[in-house]
Amino acid sequence: MNIRVEKGDEKTIVYLSGSIDIPGAEMLKQSLNQILNENITEVTIDFDEVTFIGSSGIGKLLLFYKNFSAKGCKVKIINLNKELKALFKAIKLDKLFNL
């Protein structure tokens, strides 16, 4: 898995690619934790090149959402492929994240 972060003044875009398996989920957690400590009010996570996300990756996203939204900030997920969008809807993540 690869992660590329583009930081703006108050908005950040996180570009993900590859498979978010257990090691990928740890990489994701580290990148998202860095964002938590900055003065960012909105994060967009781009799943355009993600082929798979496991339960550990979903857990890291949920933890980030909880901590980031507790600060009054917004998290948006974009460019989910058909299978991932169906997964997110099945587990009701479309209710949390602005898909």
Protein backbone atom coordinates (compact mmCIF):
# COMPACT_ATOMS: atom_id res chain seq x y z
CA MET A 1 0.00 0.00 0.00
CA ASN A 2 1.11 3.54 -0.75
CA ILE A 3 -0.02 6.77 0.90
CA ARG A 4 0.49 10.28 -0.47
CA VAL A 5 -0.66 13.31 1.52
CA GLU A 6 -1.28 16.75 0.02
CA LYS A 7 -1.59 19.36 2.74
CA GLY A 8 -3.33 22.67 2.32
CA ASP A 9 -3.92 25.41 4.89
CA GLU A 10 -6.90 23.75 6.56
CA LYS A 11 -7.69 20.90 4.16
CA THR A 12 -5.72 17.77 3.43
CA ILE A 13 -6.16 15.09 0.78
CA VAL A 14 -4.89 11.58 1.49
CA TYR A 15 -4.36 9.48 -1.64
CA LEU A 16 -4.35 5.74 -1.03
CA SER A 17 -3.35 2.98 -3.44
CA GLY A 18 -3.05 -0.77 -3.27
CA SER A 19 -4.37 -3.15 -0.65
CA ILE A 20 -5.19 -1.99 2.88
CA ASP A 21 -4.34 -5.19 4.71
CA ILE A 22 -2.97 -5.41 8.26
CA PRO A 23 0.43 -3.78 7.51
CA GLY A 24 -1.30 -1.22 5.27
CA ALA A 25 -3.75 -0.41 8.05
CA GLU A 26 -0.84 0.39 10.38
CA MET A 27 0.66 2.71 7.75
CA LEU A 28 -2.74 4.36 7.36
CA LYS A 29 -3.06 4.80 11.13
CA GLN A 30 0.35 6.49 11.34
CA SER A 31 -0.45 8.89 8.49
CA LEU A 32 -3.87 9.78 9.87
CA ASN A 33 -2.49 10.27 13.41
CA GLN A 34 -0.08 12.88 12.06
CA ILE A 35 -3.03 14.76 10.57
CA LEU A 36 -4.84 14.68 13.93
CA ASN A 37 -2.05 16.72 15.48
CA GLU A 38 -2.19 19.49 12.87
CA ASN A 39 -4.58 22.41 12.39
CA ILE A 40 -6.56 20.67 9.68
CA THR A 41 -10.36 21.04 9.61
CA GLU A 42 -11.19 18.81 6.64
CA VAL A 43 -9.68 15.59 5.34
CA THR A 44 -10.58 13.93 2.06
CA ILE A 45 -9.45 10.33 1.68
CA ASP A 46 -9.17 9.28 -1.98
CA PHE A 47 -9.69 5.55 -2.55
CA ASP A 48 -9.29 5.75 -6.35
CA GLU A 49 -6.46 3.20 -6.47
CA VAL A 50 -7.47 1.01 -3.51
CA THR A 51 -8.23 -2.59 -4.47
CA PHE A 52 -9.01 -4.04 -1.02
CA ILE A 53 -9.64 -2.96 2.55
CA GLY A 54 -9.72 -5.41 5.42
CA SER A 55 -11.37 -5.12 8.79
CA SER A 56 -8.21 -3.66 10.35
CA GLY A 57 -8.20 -0.86 7.76
CA ILE A 58 -11.86 -0.14 8.42
CA GLY A 59 -11.12 -0.07 12.15
CA LYS A 60 -8.35 2.50 11.64
CA LEU A 61 -10.69 4.67 9.53
CA LEU A 62 -13.37 4.52 12.23
CA LEU A 63 -10.90 5.44 14.96
CA PHE A 64 -9.65 8.39 12.91
CA TYR A 65 -13.22 9.49 12.18
CA LYS A 66 -14.10 9.36 15.88
CA ASN A 67 -11.05 11.37 16.97
CA PHE A 68 -11.15 13.86 14.08
CA SER A 69 -14.89 14.56 14.23
CA ALA A 70 -14.63 15.02 18.02
CA LYS A 71 -12.55 18.10 17.19
CA GLY A 72 -15.43 19.37 15.01
CA CYS A 73 -13.66 18.47 11.78
CA LYS A 74 -14.94 16.77 8.62
CA VAL A 75 -13.84 13.54 6.95
CA LYS A 76 -14.86 12.69 3.40
CA ILE A 77 -14.12 9.56 1.37
CA ILE A 78 -14.09 9.77 -2.42
CA ASN A 79 -13.59 7.51 -5.44
CA LEU A 80 -14.59 4.18 -3.92
CA ASN A 81 -14.85 1.46 -6.54
CA LYS A 82 -18.12 -0.46 -6.89
CA GLU A 83 -17.14 -3.29 -4.53
CA LEU A 84 -15.77 -1.02 -1.80
CA LYS A 85 -18.79 1.27 -2.02
CA ALA A 86 -21.08 -1.75 -1.57
CA LEU A 87 -19.01 -2.84 1.45
CA PHE A 88 -19.14 0.62 3.03
CA LYS A 89 -22.91 0.75 2.53
CA ALA A 90 -23.40 -2.77 3.89
CA ILE A 91 -21.66 -1.86 7.15
CA LYS A 92 -23.33 1.58 7.21
CA LEU A 93 -20.12 3.60 6.83
CA ASP A 94 -21.91 5.69 4.21
CA LYS A 95 -23.81 7.21 7.17
CA LEU A 96 -20.57 8.42 8.80
CA PHE A 97 -18.40 9.37 5.87
CA ASN A 98 -19.57 11.72 3.18
CA LEU A 99 -19.15 9.27 0.26
